[in-house]
Amino acid sequence: MGKDSKPKAKAGDSKGGGKDNKKKDDNKDNKKEEVKGAQQLNVRHILCEKHSKKEEALAKIRAGEKFDDVAREFSEDKARQGGSLGWKAKGTLDAKFEAIAYGLPNSTTANPTIGEAKTENGYHIIMVEGRK
């Protein structure tokens, strides 16, 4: 009976464990939301469908033109507001884009520190203006 009661307890535990796991998962989700809120970037990008166009935009930035001016001229993104995506929480952007963006230091449009990423949307030139 002792052996029989253990499997019954395990079966009961697995059902109860499922409920407990759900509670734990809910807590994890809440924690993820809290982390997202604390990890945000104010990010800009230039999106180009073709590699050659991205290279032209990079050349202009490297020649000293302001990032937002180059974004207005070259970006194929709908926003076109100097490439501004605004404040974005971690986990809300394409993973390849985000990996580059979160690795960049803060900079200004006049003197940007840039990174590049290729996603299914095209080629991105990325800069970060702020973090919170």
Protein backbone atom coordinates (compact mmCIF):
# COMPACT_ATOMS: atom_id res chain seq x y z
CA MET A 1 0.00 0.00 0.00
CA GLY A 2 2.86 2.31 0.74
CA LYS A 3 4.07 1.82 -2.81
CA ASP A 4 0.56 2.34 -4.18
CA SER A 5 0.10 5.51 -2.19
CA LYS A 6 3.31 7.03 -3.59
CA PRO A 7 2.17 6.81 -7.23
CA LYS A 8 -1.22 8.19 -6.19
CA ALA A 9 0.53 11.04 -4.44
CA LYS A 10 2.66 11.62 -7.53
CA ALA A 11 -0.41 11.58 -9.75
CA GLY A 12 -2.08 14.06 -7.42
CA ASP A 13 1.11 16.10 -7.27
CA SER A 14 1.36 16.24 -11.04
CA LYS A 15 -2.16 17.62 -11.25
CA GLY A 16 -1.49 19.96 -8.38
CA GLY A 17 1.99 20.55 -9.83
CA GLY A 18 0.35 21.65 -13.05
CA LYS A 19 -1.58 24.24 -11.10
CA ASP A 20 1.53 25.22 -9.20
CA ASN A 21 3.49 25.36 -12.46
CA LYS A 22 0.83 27.60 -13.94
CA LYS A 23 1.17 29.92 -10.97
CA LYS A 24 4.95 29.85 -11.37
CA ASP A 25 4.57 30.53 -15.11
CA ASP A 26 2.24 33.43 -14.35
CA ASN A 27 4.84 34.82 -11.98
CA LYS A 28 7.54 34.37 -14.64
CA ASP A 29 5.37 36.27 -17.13
CA ASN A 30 4.92 39.08 -14.61
CA LYS A 31 8.66 39.20 -14.03
CA LYS A 32 9.31 39.28 -17.77
CA GLU A 33 6.98 42.26 -18.11
CA GLU A 34 8.79 44.02 -15.26
CA VAL A 35 12.17 43.32 -16.89
CA LYS A 36 10.92 44.56 -20.26
CA GLY A 37 9.80 47.80 -18.67
CA ALA A 38 13.23 48.32 -17.17
CA GLN A 39 15.14 47.43 -20.33
CA GLN A 40 14.25 49.84 -23.10
CA LEU A 41 16.16 51.56 -25.85
CA ASN A 42 15.46 54.77 -27.70
CA VAL A 43 16.55 53.50 -31.09
CA ARG A 44 16.85 54.79 -34.65
CA HIS A 45 17.47 52.85 -37.82
CA ILE A 46 17.80 53.14 -41.55
CA LEU A 47 16.10 50.30 -43.39
CA CYS A 48 17.20 49.50 -46.94
CA GLU A 49 15.93 46.67 -49.08
CA LYS A 50 19.15 46.48 -51.09
CA HIS A 51 22.68 46.07 -49.77
CA SER A 52 24.04 48.68 -52.20
CA LYS A 53 21.62 51.33 -50.92
CA LYS A 54 22.63 50.52 -47.32
CA GLU A 55 26.28 50.96 -48.31
CA GLU A 56 25.50 54.40 -49.80
CA ALA A 57 23.80 55.43 -46.57
CA LEU A 58 26.76 54.15 -44.51
CA ALA A 59 29.18 56.14 -46.67
CA LYS A 60 27.23 59.35 -45.99
CA ILE A 61 27.17 58.71 -42.24
CA ARG A 62 30.91 57.95 -42.22
CA ALA A 63 31.48 61.16 -44.19
CA GLY A 64 29.93 63.09 -41.29
CA GLU A 65 26.29 63.55 -42.28
CA LYS A 66 23.75 63.40 -39.45
CA PHE A 67 22.09 60.03 -38.96
CA ASP A 68 18.56 61.45 -39.04
CA ASP A 69 19.21 63.33 -42.30
CA VAL A 70 20.56 60.17 -43.96
CA ALA A 71 17.59 58.21 -42.59
CA ARG A 72 15.13 60.65 -44.17
CA GLU A 73 16.90 60.29 -47.50
CA PHE A 74 17.58 56.54 -47.58
CA SER A 75 15.29 54.67 -45.20
CA GLU A 76 12.49 52.65 -46.72
CA ASP A 77 10.77 52.35 -43.35
CA LYS A 78 7.25 53.71 -43.07
CA ALA A 79 8.16 55.95 -40.13
CA ARG A 80 10.78 58.04 -41.98
CA GLN A 81 11.01 60.39 -39.00
CA GLY A 82 14.76 60.49 -39.04
CA GLY A 83 14.69 56.75 -38.52
CA SER A 84 13.25 57.05 -35.02
CA LEU A 85 11.54 53.95 -33.67
CA GLY A 86 11.14 55.58 -30.26
CA TRP A 87 11.43 53.65 -27.01
CA LYS A 88 11.37 49.89 -27.59
CA ALA A 89 11.23 47.27 -24.84
CA LYS A 90 13.53 44.29 -24.99
CA GLY A 91 11.81 41.42 -26.76
CA THR A 92 9.66 43.58 -29.05
CA LEU A 93 12.09 43.86 -31.96
CA ASP A 94 13.52 41.29 -34.37
CA ALA A 95 16.08 39.19 -32.46
CA LYS A 96 18.93 39.96 -34.91
CA PHE A 97 18.16 43.69 -34.77
CA GLU A 98 17.87 43.62 -31.00
CA ALA A 99 21.15 41.76 -30.50
CA ILE A 100 22.99 44.54 -32.33
CA ALA A 101 21.01 47.40 -30.77
CA TYR A 102 21.49 46.27 -27.17
CA GLY A 103 25.24 45.95 -27.84
CA LEU A 104 25.60 49.56 -28.97
CA PRO A 105 26.49 52.45 -26.66
CA ASN A 106 24.35 55.59 -26.55
CA SER A 107 25.25 58.17 -29.17
CA THR A 108 23.84 61.21 -30.97
CA THR A 109 22.59 61.71 -34.50
CA ALA A 110 25.46 64.14 -35.11
CA ASN A 111 28.08 61.60 -33.98
CA PRO A 112 26.43 58.17 -34.14
CA THR A 113 27.89 54.85 -33.09
CA ILE A 114 26.26 52.48 -35.53
CA GLY A 115 25.66 48.79 -35.97
CA GLU A 116 24.31 46.78 -38.85
CA ALA A 117 21.84 43.91 -39.01
CA LYS A 118 20.15 41.96 -41.77
CA THR A 119 16.62 40.77 -41.04
CA GLU A 120 13.81 39.48 -43.20
CA ASN A 121 12.77 43.15 -43.58
CA GLY A 122 16.08 44.15 -45.14
CA TYR A 123 19.37 45.78 -44.12
CA HIS A 124 19.37 47.97 -41.03
CA ILE A 125 21.81 50.62 -39.88
CA ILE A 126 21.13 51.05 -36.16
CA MET A 127 21.98 53.62 -33.52
CA VAL A 128 20.87 54.00 -29.90
CA GLU A 129 20.08 57.38 -28.33
CA GLY A 130 19.14 56.33 -24.82
CA ARG A 131 18.39 53.56 -22.33
CA LYS A 132 16.08 53.06 -19.39
